[in-house]
């Protein structure tokens, strides 16, 4: 009985994975936006380009994936982190090659202060989309939150090299090793 149930679950999971089309190829659009953002004079001028990057990242592979992404983001915005994570879990299960599913689940976990859960999702998002500025910056913030300040700053430097106007650039001014009362911890 248990074996039959497990087999049915595995077959349905495999069928669900097979239904997800490839993630949209946004590489040309992203390269153009990353090139443009290098030349803008200030953060205000960079904001519309950053917004256009988000529009690209948030293009899901199909309508089912888009519904799961939108549901997860809506739940996260209403502070229903468990519901958000459940939606992002379903999205990642359905579309395991779509970077934004991992990035959004990482963000929900980050907001819950579950930094250990966020980090592998950020690594997977970056593996799938190596120039995903938000995931790279998110990894930096997560590492800093874990007390791994120097590593976090390295990730933020990588993100800032792609988008020099990220607000996270301000974290590069903080000491790489935390101090309390002048003593390095």
N, C-alpha and C. Protein backbone atom coordinates (compact mmCIF):
# COMPACT_ATOMS: atom_id res chain seq x y z
N UNK A 1 0.82 -1.20 0.00
CA UNK A 1 0.00 0.00 0.00
C UNK A 1 0.87 1.26 0.00
N UNK A 2 1.84 1.30 0.92
CA UNK A 2 2.71 2.47 1.00
C UNK A 2 3.52 2.61 -0.28
N UNK A 3 4.02 1.48 -0.80
CA UNK A 3 4.81 1.52 -2.03
C UNK A 3 3.97 2.03 -3.19
N UNK A 4 2.71 1.60 -3.28
CA UNK A 4 1.83 2.05 -4.36
C UNK A 4 1.56 3.54 -4.24
N UNK A 5 1.34 4.02 -3.02
CA UNK A 5 1.10 5.44 -2.82
C UNK A 5 2.34 6.25 -3.19
N UNK A 6 3.51 5.78 -2.77
CA UNK A 6 4.75 6.47 -3.09
C UNK A 6 4.98 6.49 -4.60
N UNK A 7 4.72 5.38 -5.26
CA UNK A 7 4.87 5.32 -6.72
C UNK A 7 3.93 6.30 -7.41
N UNK A 8 2.70 6.38 -6.93
CA UNK A 8 1.74 7.31 -7.52
C UNK A 8 2.20 8.75 -7.33
N UNK A 9 2.73 9.05 -6.15
CA UNK A 9 3.23 10.41 -5.90
C UNK A 9 4.41 10.74 -6.81
N UNK A 10 5.33 9.79 -6.98
CA UNK A 10 6.49 10.03 -7.84
C UNK A 10 6.06 10.20 -9.29
N UNK A 11 5.12 9.39 -9.74
CA UNK A 11 4.63 9.52 -11.12
C UNK A 11 3.95 10.86 -11.33
N UNK A 12 3.13 11.29 -10.37
CA UNK A 12 2.46 12.58 -10.53
C UNK A 12 3.46 13.73 -10.47
N UNK A 13 4.49 13.60 -9.63
CA UNK A 13 5.52 14.65 -9.56
C UNK A 13 6.29 14.71 -10.87
N UNK A 14 6.62 13.55 -11.43
CA UNK A 14 7.32 13.52 -12.71
C UNK A 14 6.47 14.12 -13.81
N UNK A 15 5.17 13.81 -13.81
CA UNK A 15 4.28 14.38 -14.82
C UNK A 15 4.19 15.90 -14.66
N UNK A 16 4.14 16.37 -13.42
CA UNK A 16 4.06 17.81 -13.19
C UNK A 16 5.33 18.50 -13.69
N UNK A 17 6.49 17.87 -13.45
CA UNK A 17 7.74 18.46 -13.91
C UNK A 17 7.78 18.51 -15.43
N UNK A 18 7.26 17.49 -16.06
CA UNK A 18 7.29 17.44 -17.52
C UNK A 18 6.40 18.51 -18.13
N UNK A 19 5.41 18.99 -17.40
CA UNK A 19 4.47 19.97 -17.94
C UNK A 19 5.04 21.38 -18.00
N UNK A 20 6.06 21.67 -17.22
CA UNK A 20 6.60 23.03 -17.18
C UNK A 20 7.49 23.28 -18.40
N UNK A 21 7.14 24.27 -19.18
CA UNK A 21 8.02 24.61 -20.32
C UNK A 21 9.29 25.28 -19.81
N UNK A 22 10.27 25.42 -20.68
CA UNK A 22 11.50 26.12 -20.26
C UNK A 22 11.19 27.56 -19.85
N UNK A 23 11.98 28.05 -18.94
CA UNK A 23 11.85 29.46 -18.53
C UNK A 23 12.12 30.33 -19.75
N UNK A 24 11.45 31.48 -19.82
CA UNK A 24 11.71 32.38 -20.95
C UNK A 24 13.18 32.77 -21.02
N UNK A 25 13.71 32.87 -22.23
CA UNK A 25 15.09 33.32 -22.40
C UNK A 25 15.09 34.85 -22.36
N UNK A 26 15.52 35.37 -21.23
CA UNK A 26 15.54 36.83 -21.04
C UNK A 26 16.96 37.39 -21.14
N UNK A 27 17.89 36.56 -21.58
CA UNK A 27 19.30 36.96 -21.54
C UNK A 27 19.59 38.22 -22.37
N UNK A 28 19.03 38.33 -23.56
CA UNK A 28 19.31 39.51 -24.39
C UNK A 28 18.77 40.78 -23.73
N UNK A 29 17.53 40.69 -23.22
CA UNK A 29 16.93 41.85 -22.56
C UNK A 29 17.74 42.24 -21.32
N UNK A 30 18.15 41.23 -20.54
CA UNK A 30 18.90 41.52 -19.31
C UNK A 30 20.27 42.11 -19.63
N UNK A 31 20.95 41.59 -20.63
CA UNK A 31 22.25 42.15 -21.00
C UNK A 31 22.11 43.61 -21.40
N UNK A 32 21.07 43.91 -22.18
CA UNK A 32 20.85 45.30 -22.60
C UNK A 32 20.59 46.20 -21.39
N UNK A 33 19.78 45.72 -20.46
CA UNK A 33 19.48 46.51 -19.26
C UNK A 33 20.72 46.69 -18.39
N UNK A 34 21.51 45.62 -18.24
CA UNK A 34 22.74 45.72 -17.45
C UNK A 34 23.74 46.67 -18.10
N UNK A 35 23.80 46.67 -19.42
CA UNK A 35 24.67 47.63 -20.12
C UNK A 35 24.17 49.06 -19.89
N UNK A 36 22.87 49.26 -20.02
CA UNK A 36 22.30 50.61 -19.87
C UNK A 36 22.50 51.15 -18.47
N UNK A 37 22.35 50.29 -17.46
CA UNK A 37 22.40 50.78 -16.08
C UNK A 37 23.81 51.22 -15.70
N UNK A 38 24.81 50.74 -16.42
CA UNK A 38 26.19 51.16 -16.17
C UNK A 38 26.40 52.63 -16.52
N UNK A 39 25.58 53.14 -17.43
CA UNK A 39 25.80 54.49 -17.96
C UNK A 39 24.90 55.57 -17.38
N UNK A 40 23.97 55.20 -16.49
CA UNK A 40 23.07 56.22 -15.96
C UNK A 40 23.79 57.03 -14.88
N UNK A 41 23.40 58.30 -14.71
CA UNK A 41 24.15 59.19 -13.82
C UNK A 41 23.81 59.08 -12.33
N UNK A 42 22.65 58.48 -12.00
CA UNK A 42 22.28 58.44 -10.58
C UNK A 42 21.24 57.35 -10.31
N UNK A 43 20.98 57.18 -9.03
CA UNK A 43 20.05 56.12 -8.59
C UNK A 43 18.65 56.34 -9.15
N UNK A 44 18.21 57.59 -9.23
CA UNK A 44 16.89 57.88 -9.76
C UNK A 44 16.75 57.45 -11.21
N UNK A 45 17.78 57.69 -12.00
CA UNK A 45 17.76 57.29 -13.40
C UNK A 45 17.87 55.77 -13.55
N UNK A 46 18.46 55.11 -12.56
CA UNK A 46 18.62 53.65 -12.61
C UNK A 46 17.32 52.92 -12.25
N UNK A 47 16.47 53.57 -11.46
CA UNK A 47 15.26 52.91 -10.95
C UNK A 47 14.38 52.31 -12.06
N UNK A 48 14.07 53.06 -13.14
CA UNK A 48 13.24 52.45 -14.19
C UNK A 48 13.90 51.23 -14.84
N UNK A 49 15.22 51.25 -14.95
CA UNK A 49 15.92 50.09 -15.51
C UNK A 49 15.84 48.90 -14.56
N UNK A 50 16.00 49.16 -13.26
CA UNK A 50 15.85 48.09 -12.26
C UNK A 50 14.43 47.51 -12.30
N UNK A 51 13.45 48.37 -12.45
CA UNK A 51 12.06 47.90 -12.55
C UNK A 51 11.86 47.02 -13.78
N UNK A 52 12.51 47.39 -14.87
CA UNK A 52 12.41 46.57 -16.09
C UNK A 52 13.11 45.23 -15.89
N UNK A 53 14.18 45.20 -15.11
CA UNK A 53 14.83 43.92 -14.80
C UNK A 53 13.86 43.02 -14.06
N UNK A 54 13.18 43.61 -13.06
CA UNK A 54 12.20 42.81 -12.30
C UNK A 54 11.10 42.28 -13.20
N UNK A 55 10.66 43.09 -14.17
CA UNK A 55 9.63 42.62 -15.09
C UNK A 55 10.11 41.39 -15.86
N UNK A 56 11.39 41.35 -16.19
CA UNK A 56 11.94 40.19 -16.90
C UNK A 56 12.02 38.98 -15.97
N UNK A 57 12.57 39.17 -14.77
CA UNK A 57 12.71 38.03 -13.85
C UNK A 57 11.37 37.43 -13.49
N UNK A 58 10.34 38.26 -13.43
CA UNK A 58 9.02 37.80 -13.00
C UNK A 58 8.18 37.23 -14.14
N UNK A 59 8.77 37.02 -15.30
CA UNK A 59 8.08 36.36 -16.41
C UNK A 59 8.21 34.86 -16.22
N UNK A 60 7.15 34.24 -15.78
CA UNK A 60 7.15 32.80 -15.51
C UNK A 60 7.03 32.02 -16.82
N UNK A 61 7.39 30.74 -16.78
CA UNK A 61 7.36 29.92 -17.99
C UNK A 61 5.98 29.72 -18.62
N UNK A 62 4.93 29.71 -17.81
CA UNK A 62 3.57 29.55 -18.35
C UNK A 62 2.57 30.11 -17.36
N UNK A 63 1.30 30.03 -17.69
CA UNK A 63 0.27 30.65 -16.84
C UNK A 63 0.18 29.97 -15.48
N UNK A 64 0.34 28.65 -15.43
CA UNK A 64 0.30 27.97 -14.13
C UNK A 64 1.44 28.45 -13.23
N UNK A 65 2.63 28.53 -13.78
CA UNK A 65 3.78 29.02 -13.01
C UNK A 65 3.57 30.47 -12.61
N UNK A 66 3.01 31.28 -13.49
CA UNK A 66 2.76 32.69 -13.18
C UNK A 66 1.76 32.81 -12.03
N UNK A 67 0.73 31.96 -12.03
CA UNK A 67 -0.25 31.98 -10.94
C UNK A 67 0.40 31.63 -9.61
N UNK A 68 1.26 30.61 -9.61
CA UNK A 68 1.95 30.23 -8.37
C UNK A 68 2.88 31.34 -7.90
N UNK A 69 3.60 31.95 -8.83
CA UNK A 69 4.49 33.06 -8.48
C UNK A 69 3.70 34.23 -7.91
N UNK A 70 2.62 34.59 -8.60
CA UNK A 70 1.80 35.72 -8.15
C UNK A 70 1.16 35.43 -6.79
N UNK A 71 0.69 34.20 -6.60
CA UNK A 71 0.09 33.83 -5.31
C UNK A 71 1.13 33.93 -4.19
N UNK A 72 2.31 33.39 -4.43
CA UNK A 72 3.36 33.45 -3.42
C UNK A 72 3.74 34.88 -3.07
N UNK A 73 3.85 35.72 -4.07
CA UNK A 73 4.22 37.12 -3.82
C UNK A 73 3.10 37.85 -3.08
N UNK A 74 1.86 37.58 -3.44
CA UNK A 74 0.73 38.22 -2.74
C UNK A 74 0.69 37.77 -1.29
N UNK A 75 0.90 36.50 -1.05
CA UNK A 75 0.90 36.00 0.34
C UNK A 75 2.06 36.60 1.13
N UNK A 76 3.21 36.70 0.49
CA UNK A 76 4.37 37.29 1.17
C UNK A 76 4.09 38.75 1.52
N UNK A 77 3.50 39.48 0.58
CA UNK A 77 3.21 40.89 0.83
C UNK A 77 2.20 41.08 1.95
N UNK A 78 1.36 40.07 2.21
CA UNK A 78 0.39 40.15 3.31
C UNK A 78 0.93 39.46 4.57
N UNK A 79 2.24 39.19 4.57
CA UNK A 79 2.94 38.59 5.72
C UNK A 79 2.50 37.16 6.02
N UNK A 80 1.91 36.48 5.05
CA UNK A 80 1.59 35.06 5.16
C UNK A 80 2.78 34.29 4.60
N UNK A 81 3.86 34.25 5.38
CA UNK A 81 5.09 33.66 4.89
C UNK A 81 4.96 32.16 4.66
N UNK A 82 4.22 31.47 5.52
CA UNK A 82 4.02 30.03 5.32
C UNK A 82 3.27 29.77 4.02
N UNK A 83 2.22 30.55 3.77
CA UNK A 83 1.46 30.40 2.53
C UNK A 83 2.31 30.75 1.32
N UNK A 84 3.14 31.78 1.45
CA UNK A 84 4.04 32.17 0.36
C UNK A 84 5.01 31.04 0.06
N UNK A 85 5.61 30.50 1.10
CA UNK A 85 6.59 29.43 0.90
C UNK A 85 5.91 28.21 0.28
N UNK A 86 4.69 27.91 0.69
CA UNK A 86 3.97 26.78 0.08
C UNK A 86 3.76 27.01 -1.42
N UNK A 87 3.40 28.24 -1.79
CA UNK A 87 3.21 28.55 -3.22
C UNK A 87 4.54 28.46 -3.96
N UNK A 88 5.61 28.98 -3.36
CA UNK A 88 6.92 28.92 -4.01
C UNK A 88 7.44 27.48 -4.06
N UNK A 89 7.13 26.67 -3.03
CA UNK A 89 7.48 25.24 -3.08
C UNK A 89 6.81 24.59 -4.29
N UNK A 90 5.53 24.88 -4.47
CA UNK A 90 4.80 24.32 -5.61
C UNK A 90 5.40 24.80 -6.92
N UNK A 91 5.79 26.07 -6.99
CA UNK A 91 6.39 26.61 -8.20
C UNK A 91 7.73 25.93 -8.49
N UNK A 92 8.57 25.78 -7.48
CA UNK A 92 9.87 25.14 -7.67
C UNK A 92 9.69 23.67 -8.06
N UNK A 93 8.71 23.01 -7.46
CA UNK A 93 8.44 21.61 -7.83
C UNK A 93 7.97 21.52 -9.28
N UNK A 94 7.14 22.44 -9.69
CA UNK A 94 6.59 22.44 -11.04
C UNK A 94 7.64 22.88 -12.06
N UNK A 95 8.40 23.91 -11.75
CA UNK A 95 9.38 24.49 -12.68
C UNK A 95 10.76 24.57 -12.02
N UNK A 96 11.44 23.45 -11.90
CA UNK A 96 12.71 23.45 -11.17
C UNK A 96 13.84 24.21 -11.86
N UNK A 97 13.64 24.63 -13.09
CA UNK A 97 14.67 25.38 -13.79
C UNK A 97 14.36 26.86 -13.92
N UNK A 98 13.37 27.33 -13.18
CA UNK A 98 12.97 28.74 -13.21
C UNK A 98 13.58 29.43 -11.98
N UNK A 99 14.58 30.26 -12.21
CA UNK A 99 15.36 30.87 -11.13
C UNK A 99 14.52 31.68 -10.15
N UNK A 100 13.51 32.37 -10.66
CA UNK A 100 12.76 33.28 -9.78
C UNK A 100 11.98 32.55 -8.71
N UNK A 101 11.58 31.31 -8.96
CA UNK A 101 10.90 30.54 -7.92
C UNK A 101 11.78 30.39 -6.69
N UNK A 102 13.05 30.09 -6.94
CA UNK A 102 14.01 29.95 -5.83
C UNK A 102 14.29 31.30 -5.17
N UNK A 103 14.46 32.33 -6.00
CA UNK A 103 14.76 33.65 -5.45
C UNK A 103 13.62 34.14 -4.56
N UNK A 104 12.38 33.96 -5.00
CA UNK A 104 11.25 34.42 -4.20
C UNK A 104 11.08 33.60 -2.92
N UNK A 105 11.32 32.29 -3.01
CA UNK A 105 11.23 31.48 -1.79
C UNK A 105 12.32 31.90 -0.81
N UNK A 106 13.51 32.20 -1.34
CA UNK A 106 14.60 32.68 -0.48
C UNK A 106 14.20 33.98 0.21
N UNK A 107 13.57 34.88 -0.53
CA UNK A 107 13.17 36.16 0.05
C UNK A 107 12.14 35.95 1.17
N UNK A 108 11.19 35.06 0.94
CA UNK A 108 10.20 34.78 1.99
C UNK A 108 10.89 34.22 3.23
N UNK A 109 11.84 33.33 3.04
CA UNK A 109 12.58 32.79 4.19
C UNK A 109 13.45 33.86 4.85
N UNK A 110 14.03 34.74 4.05
CA UNK A 110 14.82 35.84 4.59
C UNK A 110 13.95 36.72 5.49
N UNK A 111 12.75 37.04 5.02
CA UNK A 111 11.84 37.88 5.81
C UNK A 111 11.44 37.19 7.12
N UNK A 112 11.44 35.87 7.13
CA UNK A 112 11.14 35.11 8.35
C UNK A 112 12.38 34.96 9.23
N UNK A 113 13.51 35.52 8.78
CA UNK A 113 14.81 35.39 9.45
C UNK A 113 15.32 33.96 9.44
N UNK A 114 14.87 33.16 8.48
CA UNK A 114 15.38 31.80 8.31
C UNK A 114 16.45 31.85 7.22
N UNK A 115 17.59 32.42 7.58
CA UNK A 115 18.66 32.67 6.63
C UNK A 115 19.29 31.38 6.12
N UNK A 116 19.35 30.37 6.97
CA UNK A 116 19.89 29.07 6.55
C UNK A 116 19.05 28.46 5.44
N UNK A 117 17.74 28.64 5.48
CA UNK A 117 16.86 28.12 4.42
C UNK A 117 16.97 28.96 3.16
N UNK A 118 17.24 30.25 3.30
CA UNK A 118 17.31 31.14 2.14
C UNK A 118 18.55 30.88 1.30
N UNK A 119 19.66 30.59 1.92
CA UNK A 119 20.93 30.53 1.22
C UNK A 119 20.98 29.49 0.09
N UNK A 120 20.54 28.24 0.29
CA UNK A 120 20.59 27.28 -0.82
C UNK A 120 19.70 27.69 -2.00
N UNK A 121 18.57 28.31 -1.70
CA UNK A 121 17.70 28.78 -2.78
C UNK A 121 18.37 29.90 -3.57
N UNK A 122 19.08 30.78 -2.90
CA UNK A 122 19.80 31.84 -3.60
C UNK A 122 20.91 31.25 -4.47
N UNK A 123 21.61 30.27 -3.92
CA UNK A 123 22.65 29.62 -4.72
C UNK A 123 22.06 28.97 -5.97
N UNK A 124 20.90 28.32 -5.83
CA UNK A 124 20.27 27.69 -6.99
C UNK A 124 19.79 28.73 -8.00
N UNK A 125 19.22 29.82 -7.53
CA UNK A 125 18.77 30.89 -8.43
C UNK A 125 19.95 31.44 -9.22
N UNK A 126 21.08 31.63 -8.55
CA UNK A 126 22.27 32.17 -9.21
C UNK A 126 22.85 31.13 -10.17
N UNK A 127 22.80 29.87 -9.80
CA UNK A 127 23.25 28.81 -10.70
C UNK A 127 22.44 28.83 -12.00
N UNK A 128 21.14 29.01 -11.88
CA UNK A 128 20.26 29.03 -13.04
C UNK A 128 20.36 30.34 -13.83
N UNK A 129 20.64 31.43 -13.12
CA UNK A 129 20.70 32.75 -13.75
C UNK A 129 21.88 33.51 -13.14
N UNK A 130 23.09 33.26 -13.66
CA UNK A 130 24.32 33.77 -13.02
C UNK A 130 24.41 35.29 -12.89
N UNK A 131 23.63 36.04 -13.66
CA UNK A 131 23.69 37.50 -13.58
C UNK A 131 22.40 38.07 -12.97
N UNK A 132 21.75 37.26 -12.14
CA UNK A 132 20.52 37.69 -11.46
C UNK A 132 20.93 38.60 -10.31
N UNK A 133 20.95 39.88 -10.59
CA UNK A 133 21.46 40.88 -9.64
C UNK A 133 20.75 40.78 -8.29
N UNK A 134 19.43 40.64 -8.31
CA UNK A 134 18.68 40.60 -7.06
C UNK A 134 19.04 39.37 -6.22
N UNK A 135 19.21 38.23 -6.87
CA UNK A 135 19.58 37.03 -6.12
C UNK A 135 21.00 37.16 -5.56
N UNK A 136 21.90 37.74 -6.33
CA UNK A 136 23.28 37.93 -5.84
C UNK A 136 23.29 38.89 -4.66
N UNK A 137 22.55 40.00 -4.78
CA UNK A 137 22.47 40.95 -3.66
C UNK A 137 21.78 40.30 -2.46
N UNK A 138 20.73 39.51 -2.73
CA UNK A 138 20.04 38.80 -1.65
C UNK A 138 20.97 37.83 -0.94
N UNK A 139 21.83 37.18 -1.69
CA UNK A 139 22.81 36.28 -1.07
C UNK A 139 23.74 37.08 -0.16
N UNK A 140 24.15 38.26 -0.63
CA UNK A 140 25.00 39.10 0.21
C UNK A 140 24.33 39.48 1.51
N UNK A 141 23.07 39.90 1.42
CA UNK A 141 22.31 40.27 2.63
C UNK A 141 22.14 39.08 3.56
N UNK A 142 21.89 37.92 2.97
CA UNK A 142 21.71 36.70 3.78
C UNK A 142 22.99 36.33 4.50
N UNK A 143 24.11 36.37 3.78
CA UNK A 143 25.39 36.05 4.42
C UNK A 143 25.71 37.03 5.54
N UNK A 144 25.45 38.31 5.32
CA UNK A 144 25.68 39.30 6.37
C UNK A 144 24.79 38.99 7.57
N UNK A 145 23.55 38.62 7.32
CA UNK A 145 22.62 38.29 8.42
C UNK A 145 23.07 37.06 9.17
N UNK A 146 23.82 36.18 8.51
CA UNK A 146 24.37 35.00 9.17
C UNK A 146 25.69 35.30 9.89
N UNK A 147 26.12 36.57 9.85
CA UNK A 147 27.37 36.95 10.50
C UNK A 147 28.59 36.76 9.62
N UNK A 148 28.39 36.37 8.37
CA UNK A 148 29.48 36.14 7.42
C UNK A 148 29.64 37.41 6.57
N UNK A 149 30.04 38.48 7.26
CA UNK A 149 30.03 39.82 6.69
C UNK A 149 30.95 39.93 5.47
N UNK A 150 32.18 39.47 5.57
CA UNK A 150 33.12 39.61 4.45
C UNK A 150 32.59 38.87 3.21
N UNK A 151 32.07 37.67 3.39
CA UNK A 151 31.49 36.92 2.26
C UNK A 151 30.29 37.66 1.68
N UNK A 152 29.47 38.21 2.56
CA UNK A 152 28.30 38.95 2.11
C UNK A 152 28.70 40.17 1.31
N UNK A 153 29.72 40.86 1.77
CA UNK A 153 30.20 42.03 1.04
C UNK A 153 30.77 41.64 -0.33
N UNK A 154 31.42 40.49 -0.40
CA UNK A 154 31.91 40.01 -1.69
C UNK A 154 30.75 39.80 -2.67
N UNK A 155 29.68 39.20 -2.18
CA UNK A 155 28.50 38.99 -3.04
C UNK A 155 27.89 40.33 -3.46
N UNK A 156 27.84 41.26 -2.54
CA UNK A 156 27.29 42.57 -2.87
C UNK A 156 28.18 43.29 -3.88
N UNK A 157 29.50 43.15 -3.75
CA UNK A 157 30.41 43.74 -4.74
C UNK A 157 30.12 43.15 -6.13
N UNK A 158 29.86 41.85 -6.18
CA UNK A 158 29.53 41.20 -7.46
C UNK A 158 28.24 41.78 -8.03
N UNK A 159 27.25 41.97 -7.19
CA UNK A 159 25.98 42.54 -7.65
C UNK A 159 26.15 44.00 -8.08
N UNK A 160 26.93 44.76 -7.32
CA UNK A 160 27.15 46.17 -7.64
C UNK A 160 27.96 46.32 -8.93
N UNK A 161 28.80 45.37 -9.24
CA UNK A 161 29.52 45.41 -10.52
C UNK A 161 28.53 45.31 -11.68
N UNK A 162 27.43 44.60 -11.47
CA UNK A 162 26.39 44.48 -12.50
C UNK A 162 25.46 45.69 -12.50
N UNK A 163 25.11 46.16 -11.31
CA UNK A 163 24.22 47.32 -11.16
C UNK A 163 24.81 48.23 -10.08
N UNK A 164 25.54 49.26 -10.49
CA UNK A 164 26.22 50.12 -9.51
C UNK A 164 25.28 50.94 -8.64
N UNK A 165 23.98 50.92 -8.91
CA UNK A 165 23.04 51.76 -8.17
C UNK A 165 22.22 50.99 -7.15
N UNK A 166 22.58 49.75 -6.87
CA UNK A 166 21.85 48.99 -5.85
C UNK A 166 21.95 49.67 -4.49
N UNK A 167 20.86 49.69 -3.77
CA UNK A 167 20.90 50.29 -2.43
C UNK A 167 21.82 49.51 -1.50
N UNK A 168 22.00 48.22 -1.76
CA UNK A 168 22.87 47.39 -0.92
C UNK A 168 24.33 47.83 -0.98
N UNK A 169 24.68 48.68 -1.93
CA UNK A 169 26.07 49.14 -2.04
C UNK A 169 26.52 49.85 -0.76
N UNK A 170 25.57 50.38 -0.03
CA UNK A 170 25.90 51.08 1.22
C UNK A 170 26.47 50.14 2.29
N UNK A 171 26.18 48.85 2.15
CA UNK A 171 26.69 47.87 3.12
C UNK A 171 28.18 47.59 2.92
N UNK A 172 28.73 48.09 1.84
CA UNK A 172 30.16 47.89 1.61
C UNK A 172 30.99 48.80 2.51
N UNK A 173 30.34 49.81 3.10
CA UNK A 173 31.03 50.72 4.02
C UNK A 173 31.13 50.17 5.44
N UNK A 174 30.36 49.13 5.75
CA UNK A 174 30.39 48.60 7.12
C UNK A 174 31.65 47.76 7.32
N UNK A 175 32.13 47.65 8.55
CA UNK A 175 33.33 46.84 8.78
C UNK A 175 33.08 45.39 8.36
N UNK A 176 34.09 44.79 7.76
CA UNK A 176 33.95 43.40 7.31
C UNK A 176 33.85 42.44 8.48
N UNK A 177 34.40 42.82 9.61
CA UNK A 177 34.29 42.00 10.81
C UNK A 177 33.56 42.80 11.87
N UNK A 178 32.48 42.25 12.40
CA UNK A 178 31.71 43.01 13.39
C UNK A 178 32.54 43.31 14.64
N UNK A 179 32.27 44.46 15.21
CA UNK A 179 32.96 44.88 16.44
C UNK A 179 31.93 45.24 17.50
N UNK A 180 32.31 45.06 18.73
CA UNK A 180 31.50 45.53 19.85
C UNK A 180 32.46 46.20 20.81
N UNK A 181 32.19 47.45 21.10
CA UNK A 181 33.06 48.23 22.00
C UNK A 181 34.50 48.22 21.53
N UNK A 182 34.71 48.33 20.20
CA UNK A 182 36.04 48.42 19.65
C UNK A 182 36.79 47.10 19.58
N UNK A 183 36.14 46.00 19.94
CA UNK A 183 36.79 44.69 19.91
C UNK A 183 36.17 43.86 18.78
N UNK A 184 37.03 43.34 17.89
CA UNK A 184 36.53 42.50 16.80
C UNK A 184 35.97 41.22 17.38
N UNK A 185 34.79 40.85 16.87
CA UNK A 185 34.14 39.61 17.35
C UNK A 185 34.52 38.44 16.48
